[in-house]
Amino acid sequence: METAIYVRVSTEEQAQEGFSIRAQEQKLKDFARVKDWSIFKIYMDEGISGKNLTERPAVQEMIADIENGDVKNVLVFKIDRLTRSTADLVYLIDLFNQKDCSFNSLTESIDTLTASGRMFLKIIGIFAEFERENIIERVKVGIERKVREGYTIGGNVSYGYDRPKHQKVQTINEYEAEIVKEIFDMFVNQGVPINDIARRLNVRKIGTKNDVTWGSTAIRRLLANSNYIGNVRHHIREENEYSVEGKHEPIISQEQFDIAQKILQNNKKSTPTKKPREESYFSGFLRCGTCGYKMVTHNIYNTLKDGTKSITSSYRCQKKSVKACTSSSISHKKLEVAFYEYITGLVDLDAAEQVEIESQKKQENQAQIKAYEKKLQKLKIKESEAMSLYVADEMTFENYREIKRLVDKETAIINAELEKLHTIQDEMPVNKTDIIKDFNENWEWLTTSERRQFLLQFMGEITVTAEKEKGQHFATAIIQDVAFLPSPELNKGQKPLLQQPR
C-alpha cells in the first residue's frame, strides 16, 4: 500500500517526553518495512501544536494527497500525533472511509486491516454520529443566542429586506419596502380586503420575493410579520414562536402595525360575547365594506301611534359611533334580502363542474400529503434498522453511512414537497356546492335560531356596503364578499344536519 507516514512534535513535548521527530520517523519506517508497505511520503510538522489541522502545513498536504487518491494508508506513531481534537479525528476518519484509505497507529496497535482495528473505527464512527448530534444542538443554541441579540438567522428573508451572504443584519430593499408600505396602507387606512390586495398586486404584475403571484395567505402573513417594525422572529408558526428587538431598520410604524393586528384579529370568525337577539342572527359575521371594521348590532326603538313600542334591528360600523366611518346603518330585513340574493346567485348548481373539480383537486392533494408522510415514516424505520445492523456488526460502517446519506437526501426532498403541498392545500378554495345547495333548499324554512346555526357552521365573514338614497332612513345592503368555512360534515362526505326537508 502507498503509505503516508505522519510525524509531529512540539518543542515542549520533545523536551519533556522525548518524542523526537527523528525517532518517530525511524520507528515508523521500520514498521512499514516489516509490513512490506511502500512509503509514499513522510509528512513532518515540527514544533507545531496538535490542537487543530488548519495551522499544520504537512497534515494539509497529506489530506490533499489522500483526496487525490495517491495515499491508501496512513501510519502514525500515536493518535495524538495526528490530532488532539475529537472533532478533527472524526473528520479524518470520515475522510479515510470515503477515500478507502487505511489507518494505523503504532503505539495503540490500531490497524484497520485487522478485526480489532475495524472495531475501533466502528466505535469512532458511533462517536462521530454522537459528535454530529452535539454539533447540531450547539448550533441551535448559538442560533437562539444570535436571535436574542437581534441578528437575523436563516436563508429566508422577509419581503422588503435583503441580507447578502455572511451579513448578520438585514438591509431595506427600497423597491420592496414601498410595496410593503402600500399593502399596510391599503389594509389599515383604506380598508381594502386581503383578497383584493393580492388581486391588485397581481394585476400590476408585482411578484413576491420568489417572483410568484400573491395570495391571501401571503398577504396575511406579511401583515402579521413583526419583522417590519424592527423585530427578529424565531420558530415561525410554531408553538414556541417569539420575536425580539432586532438590529435592522423598521419599515412600518408600531402604531400602524398594531392597528393591522387588531383588524386581523377581528377578521377571524368569532361568536359575540353577548347572545344576539334572534332577529339579529347576522351579529358577529359582518364587516364594513367602506373601512374594513366589524359591524355591530344597532336597534332603533320607536313608539307607534297606538302607543305600542317597536324595535327595528339593524347593523352599523363600529367606527361610525366615533364618526370615523361614513357608511350608513343597514336594516336586518334589507341585509337578509341582499344575503339571499348573493348566495343563490353565487353558483349555478346545474353547472357546478368547476367547483367539483376544485374539490377533487383538494382531495388528491390531501392524499398525496398522506402518501409522503408514510414515506417519511418508512425512511425513519430504514435508518433505524441500518443503525441496528451496524452496531450488531452485520453491516459495514461504509454501507451504513451510504444508507444514511441516501435517507437524508430523500427525506429532504420529501419535506420540500410536503411544504409545497401544504401551501397549496391552505390556498385551495372550499367546495361551496353542497353548502349553497343546503342554503337553497332550507333557508326559508329555518327559524332565526337555525339560521344563526347555519351561519356558524358555514360562513366566516360577510362584507357589506350600503347605498342610501335621499329621504331613506335605512340604506340598501350590498354584499361584497362572503367567506365560506370548511364544514367537518362536508369534509367527511356526510350531509349537513340542516339539509333535512322541513
Protein backbone atom coordinates (compact mmCIF):
# COMPACT_ATOMS: atom_id res chain seq x y z
CA MET A 1 0.00 0.00 0.00
CA GLU A 2 1.11 3.53 -0.73
CA THR A 3 1.63 4.66 2.85
CA ALA A 4 1.86 8.17 4.25
CA ILE A 5 3.99 8.44 7.39
CA TYR A 6 2.95 11.42 9.50
CA VAL A 7 5.12 12.70 12.37
CA ARG A 8 4.67 15.73 14.57
CA VAL A 9 6.18 17.13 17.74
CA SER A 10 6.09 20.40 19.60
CA THR A 11 9.32 21.69 21.17
CA GLU A 12 7.81 21.37 24.66
CA GLU A 13 6.83 17.71 24.14
CA GLN A 14 10.25 16.91 22.68
CA ALA A 15 11.96 18.31 25.76
CA GLN A 16 9.65 16.73 28.35
CA GLU A 17 8.67 13.35 26.87
CA GLY A 18 11.45 12.60 24.41
CA PHE A 19 9.16 12.39 21.37
CA SER A 20 11.98 13.13 18.97
CA ILE A 21 10.62 13.64 15.50
CA ARG A 22 13.56 11.67 14.06
CA ALA A 23 12.90 8.80 16.47
CA GLN A 24 9.24 8.70 15.40
CA GLU A 25 10.25 8.73 11.75
CA GLN A 26 12.74 5.86 12.14
CA LYS A 27 10.38 3.60 14.09
CA LEU A 28 7.57 4.16 11.56
CA LYS A 29 9.91 3.44 8.64
CA ASP A 30 10.98 0.17 10.27
CA PHE A 31 7.34 -0.79 10.91
CA ALA A 32 6.42 -0.08 7.27
CA ARG A 33 9.30 -2.27 6.06
CA VAL A 34 8.16 -5.15 8.29
CA LYS A 35 4.64 -4.80 6.88
CA ASP A 36 6.09 -4.56 3.36
CA TRP A 37 4.30 -1.24 2.75
CA SER A 38 5.51 1.23 0.15
CA ILE A 39 6.26 4.62 1.69
CA PHE A 40 4.65 7.30 -0.49
CA LYS A 41 5.94 10.26 1.53
CA ILE A 42 6.91 11.36 5.02
CA TYR A 43 4.87 14.34 6.26
CA MET A 44 6.52 16.27 9.06
CA ASP A 45 5.12 19.07 11.28
CA GLU A 46 7.90 20.12 13.63
CA GLY A 47 7.31 22.40 16.61
CA ILE A 48 3.58 22.76 15.90
CA SER A 49 0.71 22.12 18.31
CA GLY A 50 -1.82 19.39 17.55
CA LYS A 51 -4.86 21.38 18.68
CA ASN A 52 -6.12 21.90 15.11
CA LEU A 53 -5.48 20.89 11.50
CA THR A 54 -5.58 24.25 9.75
CA GLU A 55 -2.23 25.56 11.08
CA ARG A 56 -0.23 22.46 10.11
CA PRO A 57 1.05 22.58 6.50
CA ALA A 58 2.26 18.96 6.42
CA VAL A 59 -1.08 17.48 7.52
CA GLN A 60 -2.89 19.68 4.98
CA GLU A 61 -0.60 18.37 2.26
CA MET A 62 -1.30 14.79 3.36
CA ILE A 63 -5.07 15.41 3.30
CA ALA A 64 -4.78 16.74 -0.27
CA ASP A 65 -2.85 13.62 -1.36
CA ILE A 66 -5.48 11.37 0.25
CA GLU A 67 -8.28 13.24 -1.55
CA ASN A 68 -6.39 12.83 -4.84
CA GLY A 69 -6.17 9.05 -4.25
CA ASP A 70 -2.36 8.97 -4.03
CA VAL A 71 -2.30 7.69 -0.43
CA LYS A 72 -4.06 4.46 0.60
CA ASN A 73 -2.71 4.09 4.12
CA VAL A 74 -1.81 6.48 6.95
CA LEU A 75 0.71 5.47 9.63
CA VAL A 76 1.30 7.47 12.82
CA PHE A 77 3.36 6.87 15.96
CA LYS A 78 0.44 7.71 18.23
CA ILE A 79 -3.09 9.04 17.62
CA ASP A 80 -2.39 12.32 19.38
CA ARG A 81 0.48 12.91 16.90
CA LEU A 82 -2.22 13.15 14.22
CA THR A 83 -4.62 15.31 16.25
CA ARG A 84 -5.63 16.11 19.80
CA SER A 85 -9.09 17.27 18.75
CA THR A 86 -12.01 14.83 18.81
CA ALA A 87 -13.82 16.77 16.10
CA ASP A 88 -10.70 16.70 13.85
CA LEU A 89 -10.25 12.97 14.47
CA VAL A 90 -13.87 12.35 13.45
CA TYR A 91 -13.30 14.40 10.30
CA LEU A 92 -10.14 12.48 9.39
CA ILE A 93 -11.70 9.05 10.00
CA ASP A 94 -14.63 10.08 7.76
CA LEU A 95 -12.15 11.17 5.10
CA PHE A 96 -10.25 7.86 5.32
CA ASN A 97 -13.50 5.91 4.92
CA GLN A 98 -14.64 7.97 1.94
CA LYS A 99 -11.29 7.58 0.12
CA ASP A 100 -10.80 3.90 1.02
CA CYS A 101 -7.66 4.78 2.99
CA SER A 102 -6.50 2.58 5.88
CA PHE A 103 -5.27 3.98 9.19
CA ASN A 104 -2.62 2.61 11.56
CA SER A 105 -1.22 3.75 14.90
CA LEU A 106 1.98 2.07 16.07
CA THR A 107 1.66 2.75 19.84
CA GLU A 108 -2.07 1.89 20.16
CA SER A 109 -1.69 -1.12 17.79
CA ILE A 110 -4.54 0.10 15.59
CA ASP A 111 -4.60 -1.49 12.16
CA THR A 112 -7.79 -1.28 10.09
CA LEU A 113 -6.73 -4.41 8.22
CA THR A 114 -7.39 -6.37 11.44
CA ALA A 115 -10.72 -7.11 13.15
CA SER A 116 -9.76 -5.14 16.27
CA GLY A 117 -8.74 -2.16 14.15
CA ARG A 118 -12.04 -2.23 12.28
CA MET A 119 -13.88 -2.47 15.59
CA PHE A 120 -12.04 0.62 16.80
CA LEU A 121 -13.12 2.52 13.68
CA LYS A 122 -16.72 1.46 14.23
CA ILE A 123 -16.54 2.84 17.75
CA ILE A 124 -15.09 6.03 16.32
CA GLY A 125 -17.98 6.06 13.82
CA ILE A 126 -20.55 5.84 16.61
CA PHE A 127 -18.84 8.69 18.42
CA ALA A 128 -18.82 10.57 15.12
CA GLU A 129 -22.62 10.37 14.97
CA PHE A 130 -22.75 11.46 18.60
CA GLU A 131 -20.42 14.38 17.85
CA ARG A 132 -22.53 15.47 14.89
CA GLU A 133 -25.69 15.48 17.03
CA ASN A 134 -23.86 17.54 19.65
CA ILE A 135 -22.79 19.97 16.93
CA ILE A 136 -26.42 20.32 15.81
CA GLU A 137 -27.50 21.06 19.39
CA ARG A 138 -24.71 23.59 19.82
CA VAL A 139 -25.70 25.26 16.54
CA LYS A 140 -29.31 25.53 17.76
CA VAL A 141 -28.14 27.14 20.99
CA GLY A 142 -25.92 29.52 19.01
CA ILE A 143 -28.82 30.46 16.74
CA GLU A 144 -31.05 31.16 19.74
CA ARG A 145 -28.37 33.40 21.22
CA LYS A 146 -27.86 35.30 17.94
CA VAL A 147 -31.60 35.82 17.53
CA ARG A 148 -31.95 37.16 21.06
CA GLU A 149 -29.10 39.54 20.32
CA GLY A 150 -31.15 40.89 17.41
CA TYR A 151 -29.41 39.29 14.43
CA THR A 152 -31.26 37.72 11.51
CA ILE A 153 -30.74 33.96 11.14
CA GLY A 154 -31.71 31.69 8.25
CA GLY A 155 -31.80 31.86 4.48
CA ASN A 156 -35.35 33.19 4.01
CA VAL A 157 -35.55 36.98 4.23
CA SER A 158 -38.84 38.85 4.57
CA TYR A 159 -40.18 40.69 1.55
CA GLY A 160 -38.87 44.25 1.82
CA TYR A 161 -35.41 43.28 3.04
CA ASP A 162 -32.16 41.86 1.65
CA ARG A 163 -29.40 40.04 3.50
CA PRO A 164 -26.29 39.19 1.46
CA LYS A 165 -24.28 36.12 2.36
CA HIS A 166 -22.32 36.37 5.64
CA GLN A 167 -24.18 39.57 6.57
CA LYS A 168 -25.82 39.35 10.00
CA VAL A 169 -28.11 42.39 9.75
CA GLN A 170 -30.74 42.64 7.01
CA THR A 171 -30.97 45.84 4.97
CA ILE A 172 -34.01 47.51 3.43
CA ASN A 173 -34.82 46.79 -0.21
CA GLU A 174 -36.19 50.19 -1.24
CA TYR A 175 -38.49 48.92 -4.02
CA GLU A 176 -39.99 46.09 -1.96
CA ALA A 177 -40.26 48.32 1.12
CA GLU A 178 -42.55 50.68 -0.82
CA ILE A 179 -44.81 47.74 -1.69
CA VAL A 180 -44.89 46.70 1.98
CA LYS A 181 -45.94 50.23 2.98
CA GLU A 182 -48.60 50.21 0.27
CA ILE A 183 -50.02 46.89 1.49
CA PHE A 184 -50.29 48.17 5.08
CA ASP A 185 -51.85 51.41 3.84
CA MET A 186 -54.48 49.58 1.77
CA PHE A 187 -55.34 47.28 4.65
CA VAL A 188 -55.26 49.73 7.58
CA ASN A 189 -56.18 53.10 6.09
CA GLN A 190 -58.26 52.21 3.03
CA GLY A 191 -59.99 49.09 4.37
CA VAL A 192 -59.16 47.01 1.29
CA PRO A 193 -59.87 43.27 1.88
CA ILE A 194 -56.91 40.90 1.82
CA ASN A 195 -58.09 39.14 -1.34
CA ASP A 196 -58.39 42.47 -3.14
CA ILE A 197 -54.89 43.50 -2.07
CA ALA A 198 -53.49 40.29 -3.58
CA ARG A 199 -55.52 40.81 -6.76
CA ARG A 200 -54.31 44.40 -7.19
CA LEU A 201 -50.66 43.38 -6.81
CA ASN A 202 -51.07 40.53 -9.29
CA VAL A 203 -52.79 42.79 -11.84
CA ARG A 204 -49.80 45.13 -11.62
CA LYS A 205 -47.52 42.09 -12.10
CA ILE A 206 -45.74 42.67 -8.78
CA GLY A 207 -44.30 39.32 -7.66
CA THR A 208 -43.35 38.02 -4.24
CA LYS A 209 -39.77 37.50 -3.08
CA ASN A 210 -39.69 34.31 -5.14
CA ASP A 211 -41.39 36.04 -8.08
CA VAL A 212 -44.70 34.16 -7.72
CA THR A 213 -48.20 35.60 -7.56
CA TRP A 214 -49.65 36.90 -4.31
CA GLY A 215 -52.35 35.01 -2.42
CA SER A 216 -54.43 35.77 0.64
CA THR A 217 -52.16 33.62 2.83
CA ALA A 218 -49.02 35.51 1.73
CA ILE A 219 -50.68 38.90 2.37
CA ARG A 220 -51.95 37.82 5.78
CA ARG A 221 -48.51 36.57 6.82
CA LEU A 222 -46.90 39.78 5.63
CA LEU A 223 -49.35 41.88 7.66
CA ALA A 224 -48.63 39.76 10.77
CA ASN A 225 -44.84 39.88 10.33
CA SER A 226 -43.26 41.84 13.21
CA ASN A 227 -40.04 42.00 11.19
CA TYR A 228 -41.40 45.19 9.62
CA ILE A 229 -41.34 47.04 12.97
CA GLY A 230 -37.71 46.06 13.57
CA ASN A 231 -38.19 42.74 15.36
CA VAL A 232 -36.50 39.43 14.65
CA ARG A 233 -38.73 36.34 14.73
CA HIS A 234 -37.76 32.78 15.59
CA HIS A 235 -39.62 29.43 15.43
CA ILE A 236 -42.07 30.99 12.97
CA ARG A 237 -45.55 29.39 13.00
CA GLU A 238 -44.56 27.07 15.86
CA GLU A 239 -45.94 26.89 19.39
CA ASN A 240 -42.78 28.41 20.86
CA GLU A 241 -42.63 31.28 18.34
CA TYR A 242 -41.26 34.55 19.69
CA SER A 243 -39.81 37.85 18.48
CA VAL A 244 -37.20 40.20 19.93
CA GLU A 245 -35.95 43.66 19.02
CA GLY A 246 -33.62 43.40 16.03
CA LYS A 247 -30.71 45.45 14.77
CA HIS A 248 -32.28 46.21 11.36
CA GLU A 249 -34.29 49.30 10.40
CA PRO A 250 -38.12 49.10 10.55
CA ILE A 251 -40.35 49.75 7.53
CA ILE A 252 -43.70 50.17 9.32
CA SER A 253 -44.52 52.19 12.44
CA GLN A 254 -45.53 50.40 15.61
CA GLU A 255 -48.90 52.19 15.61
CA GLN A 256 -49.81 51.12 12.08
CA PHE A 257 -48.69 47.54 12.78
CA ASP A 258 -50.79 47.35 15.96
CA ILE A 259 -53.89 48.53 14.08
CA ALA A 260 -53.27 45.89 11.42
CA GLN A 261 -53.08 43.18 14.10
CA LYS A 262 -56.40 44.29 15.60
CA ILE A 263 -58.07 44.17 12.20
CA LEU A 264 -56.60 40.73 11.51
CA GLN A 265 -57.85 39.51 14.87
CA ASN A 266 -61.31 40.90 14.16
CA ASN A 267 -61.27 39.21 10.77
CA LYS A 268 -61.41 35.83 12.47
CA LYS A 269 -64.86 34.34 12.87
CA SER A 270 -65.99 34.92 16.43
CA THR A 271 -69.15 34.48 18.41
CA PRO A 272 -70.30 37.65 20.21
CA THR A 273 -69.80 37.62 23.97
CA LYS A 274 -73.45 38.57 24.37
CA LYS A 275 -76.02 36.29 22.84
CA PRO A 276 -77.56 38.23 19.94
CA ARG A 277 -81.28 38.71 19.62
CA GLU A 278 -82.87 36.05 17.44
CA GLU A 279 -83.79 38.76 14.91
CA SER A 280 -80.11 39.79 14.68
CA TYR A 281 -78.57 36.47 13.70
CA PHE A 282 -76.00 38.18 11.41
CA SER A 283 -74.31 39.62 14.50
CA GLY A 284 -70.59 38.77 14.61
CA PHE A 285 -70.30 37.96 10.89
CA LEU A 286 -70.45 41.41 9.28
CA ARG A 287 -67.59 43.64 8.18
CA CYS A 288 -67.91 47.16 6.83
CA GLY A 289 -67.05 47.33 3.12
CA THR A 290 -66.16 51.02 3.48
CA CYS A 291 -63.48 50.93 6.20
CA GLY A 292 -62.97 47.23 6.93
CA TYR A 293 -64.03 47.30 10.59
CA LYS A 294 -66.59 44.98 12.16
CA MET A 295 -70.26 45.87 12.17
CA VAL A 296 -72.32 45.66 15.36
CA THR A 297 -75.99 45.34 16.17
CA HIS A 298 -77.85 48.63 16.35
CA ASN A 299 -81.51 48.61 17.41
CA ILE A 300 -83.88 51.52 16.87
CA TYR A 301 -86.80 51.90 19.28
CA ASN A 302 -89.99 53.63 18.08
CA THR A 303 -93.39 54.38 19.62
CA LEU A 304 -96.28 53.74 17.25
CA LYS A 305 -99.47 55.81 17.08
CA ASP A 306 -101.35 53.30 19.20
CA GLY A 307 -98.67 53.66 21.89
CA THR A 308 -97.01 50.31 21.38
CA LYS A 309 -93.24 50.04 21.25
CA SER A 310 -91.44 48.65 18.18
CA ILE A 311 -87.83 47.57 17.74
CA THR A 312 -86.11 47.69 14.36
CA SER A 313 -82.99 45.55 14.17
CA SER A 314 -80.11 46.97 12.15
CA TYR A 315 -76.32 46.90 11.86
CA ARG A 316 -73.74 49.66 11.70
CA CYS A 317 -69.94 50.01 11.55
CA GLN A 318 -68.05 50.15 14.84
CA LYS A 319 -66.23 53.29 13.70
CA LYS A 320 -69.48 55.11 12.94
CA SER A 321 -70.06 55.70 16.65
CA VAL A 322 -66.93 57.88 16.73
CA LYS A 323 -67.75 59.42 13.33
CA ALA A 324 -64.70 57.75 11.75
CA CYS A 325 -66.71 55.98 9.01
CA THR A 326 -69.22 57.41 6.55
CA SER A 327 -71.14 54.16 5.99
CA SER A 328 -74.87 54.04 6.76
CA SER A 329 -76.81 51.72 9.02
CA ILE A 330 -78.44 48.73 7.34
CA SER A 331 -81.69 47.17 8.48
CA HIS A 332 -81.74 43.45 9.17
CA LYS A 333 -84.53 42.83 6.65
CA LYS A 334 -82.68 44.50 3.77
CA LEU A 335 -79.48 42.71 4.70
CA GLU A 336 -81.31 39.38 4.70
CA VAL A 337 -82.65 40.02 1.17
CA ALA A 338 -79.19 41.01 -0.08
CA PHE A 339 -77.61 37.95 1.55
CA TYR A 340 -80.15 35.57 -0.01
CA GLU A 341 -79.67 37.08 -3.48
CA TYR A 342 -75.88 36.92 -3.17
CA ILE A 343 -75.72 33.26 -2.11
CA THR A 344 -78.31 31.97 -4.57
CA GLY A 345 -76.57 33.77 -7.43
CA LEU A 346 -73.10 32.64 -6.47
CA VAL A 347 -73.05 29.25 -8.19
CA ASP A 348 -75.25 27.68 -10.87
CA LEU A 349 -75.94 24.31 -9.29
CA ASP A 350 -76.76 22.76 -12.66
CA ALA A 351 -73.32 23.74 -13.98
CA ALA A 352 -71.05 23.40 -10.96
CA GLU A 353 -68.46 21.28 -12.72
CA GLN A 354 -65.58 23.66 -11.94
CA VAL A 355 -66.37 23.65 -8.21
CA GLU A 356 -66.42 19.85 -8.23
CA ILE A 357 -63.04 19.82 -9.98
CA GLU A 358 -61.61 22.08 -7.28
CA SER A 359 -62.95 19.73 -4.61
CA GLN A 360 -61.40 16.74 -6.36
CA LYS A 361 -58.04 18.51 -6.60
CA LYS A 362 -58.11 19.22 -2.89
CA GLN A 363 -58.81 15.55 -2.10
CA GLU A 364 -55.99 14.43 -4.42
CA ASN A 365 -53.63 16.93 -2.79
CA GLN A 366 -54.53 15.62 0.67
CA ALA A 367 -53.98 12.02 -0.47
CA GLN A 368 -50.54 12.98 -1.79
CA ILE A 369 -49.65 14.58 1.56
CA LYS A 370 -50.59 11.37 3.39
CA ALA A 371 -48.55 9.29 0.94
CA TYR A 372 -45.45 11.44 1.51
CA GLU A 373 -45.92 11.25 5.30
CA LYS A 374 -45.99 7.44 5.06
CA LYS A 375 -42.75 7.54 3.04
CA LEU A 376 -41.10 9.64 5.76
CA GLN A 377 -42.11 7.08 8.37
CA LYS A 378 -40.63 4.25 6.28
CA LEU A 379 -37.37 6.16 5.84
CA LYS A 380 -37.06 6.61 9.61
CA ILE A 381 -37.56 2.86 10.09
CA LYS A 382 -34.98 2.13 7.39
CA GLU A 383 -32.37 4.34 9.06
CA SER A 384 -33.08 2.79 12.46
CA GLU A 385 -32.71 -0.74 11.04
CA ALA A 386 -29.40 0.19 9.39
CA MET A 387 -28.03 1.53 12.66
CA SER A 388 -29.06 -1.69 14.46
CA LEU A 389 -27.31 -3.84 11.83
CA TYR A 390 -24.17 -1.73 12.05
CA VAL A 391 -23.97 -1.91 15.84
CA ALA A 392 -24.56 -5.67 15.65
CA ASP A 393 -21.57 -5.93 13.27
CA GLU A 394 -23.82 -7.16 10.45
CA MET A 395 -23.17 -4.13 8.27
CA THR A 396 -20.01 -2.20 7.45
CA PHE A 397 -19.63 1.40 8.51
CA GLU A 398 -19.34 2.44 4.85
CA ASN A 399 -22.67 0.77 3.99
CA TYR A 400 -24.32 2.37 7.00
CA ARG A 401 -23.06 5.83 6.03
CA GLU A 402 -24.24 5.36 2.44
CA ILE A 403 -27.73 4.32 3.59
CA LYS A 404 -27.90 7.28 5.97
CA ARG A 405 -26.77 9.65 3.21
CA LEU A 406 -29.47 8.37 0.85
CA VAL A 407 -32.14 8.51 3.59
CA ASP A 408 -31.20 12.10 4.49
CA LYS A 409 -31.27 13.13 0.83
CA GLU A 410 -34.69 11.55 0.19
CA THR A 411 -36.07 12.98 3.46
CA ALA A 412 -35.03 16.50 2.43
CA ILE A 413 -36.74 16.09 -0.96
CA ILE A 414 -39.97 14.79 0.62
CA ASN A 415 -40.04 17.60 3.22
CA ALA A 416 -39.67 20.18 0.43
CA GLU A 417 -42.56 18.58 -1.48
CA LEU A 418 -44.71 18.44 1.67
CA GLU A 419 -44.14 22.14 2.28
CA LYS A 420 -45.35 22.92 -1.25
CA LEU A 421 -48.41 20.66 -0.89
CA HIS A 422 -49.38 22.20 2.46
CA THR A 423 -49.14 25.68 0.92
CA ILE A 424 -51.36 24.60 -1.99
CA GLN A 425 -53.82 22.98 0.43
CA ASP A 426 -54.11 26.18 2.50
CA GLU A 427 -54.83 28.29 -0.57
CA MET A 428 -57.32 25.94 -2.24
CA PRO A 429 -60.92 27.21 -2.27
CA VAL A 430 -63.57 25.49 -0.17
CA ASN A 431 -66.09 23.39 -2.06
CA LYS A 432 -69.23 25.57 -1.94
CA THR A 433 -71.61 23.37 -3.96
CA ASP A 434 -73.12 21.41 -1.06
CA ILE A 435 -73.23 24.49 1.17
CA ILE A 436 -75.20 26.53 -1.38
CA LYS A 437 -77.48 23.59 -2.17
CA ASP A 438 -78.21 23.29 1.54
CA PHE A 439 -78.91 27.02 1.64
CA ASN A 440 -81.30 26.98 -1.34
CA GLU A 441 -83.28 24.01 -0.08
CA ASN A 442 -83.67 25.04 3.54
CA TRP A 443 -83.13 28.75 4.21
CA GLU A 444 -86.75 29.88 4.01
CA TRP A 445 -87.86 27.06 6.31
CA LEU A 446 -85.32 27.70 9.05
CA THR A 447 -86.12 29.53 12.27
CA THR A 448 -83.98 32.52 13.25
CA SER A 449 -82.04 30.31 15.69
CA GLU A 450 -81.44 27.68 12.98
CA ARG A 451 -80.32 30.38 10.56
CA ARG A 452 -77.67 31.52 13.02
CA GLN A 453 -76.51 27.90 13.41
CA PHE A 454 -76.23 27.72 9.60
CA LEU A 455 -74.03 30.84 9.59
CA LEU A 456 -71.86 29.48 12.40
CA GLN A 457 -71.43 26.21 10.53
CA PHE A 458 -70.60 27.52 7.06
CA MET A 459 -69.91 31.27 6.99
CA GLY A 460 -66.74 33.01 8.09
CA GLU A 461 -67.24 36.68 7.24
CA ILE A 462 -69.72 38.79 5.25
CA THR A 463 -68.51 42.10 3.80
CA VAL A 464 -71.30 44.64 3.35
CA THR A 465 -71.60 48.12 1.80
CA ALA A 466 -74.60 50.42 1.87
CA GLU A 467 -76.29 52.67 -0.71
CA LYS A 468 -78.63 55.26 0.70
CA GLU A 469 -80.90 57.48 -1.37
CA LYS A 470 -82.24 60.82 -0.22
CA GLY A 471 -85.15 60.53 2.17
CA GLN A 472 -84.43 56.91 3.11
CA HIS A 473 -83.98 56.04 6.77
CA PHE A 474 -82.04 52.84 6.07
CA ALA A 475 -79.62 52.10 3.26
CA THR A 476 -79.87 49.27 0.75
CA ALA A 477 -77.44 46.46 1.62
CA ILE A 478 -74.97 45.22 -0.99
CA ILE A 479 -73.00 42.06 -0.18
CA GLN A 480 -69.45 42.47 -1.45
CA ASP A 481 -67.99 39.16 -0.34
CA VAL A 482 -68.81 36.06 1.74
CA ALA A 483 -66.08 33.87 3.18
CA PHE A 484 -67.02 30.18 3.45
CA LEU A 485 -65.74 27.91 6.21
CA PRO A 486 -64.87 24.24 5.61
CA SER A 487 -67.51 22.07 7.26
CA PRO A 488 -66.46 18.91 9.17
CA GLU A 489 -69.57 17.13 7.88
CA LEU A 490 -68.79 18.03 4.27
CA ASN A 491 -65.17 17.00 4.67
CA LYS A 492 -66.32 13.56 5.77
CA GLY A 493 -68.67 13.29 2.82
CA GLN A 494 -71.75 13.44 5.04
CA LYS A 495 -74.83 15.60 4.66
CA PRO A 496 -75.08 18.62 6.99
CA LEU A 497 -77.68 18.37 9.74
CA LEU A 498 -79.52 21.34 8.30
CA GLN A 499 -80.03 19.59 4.98
CA GLN A 500 -83.23 17.89 6.07
CA PRO A 501 -86.58 18.50 4.30
CA ARG A 502 -88.89 20.52 6.51
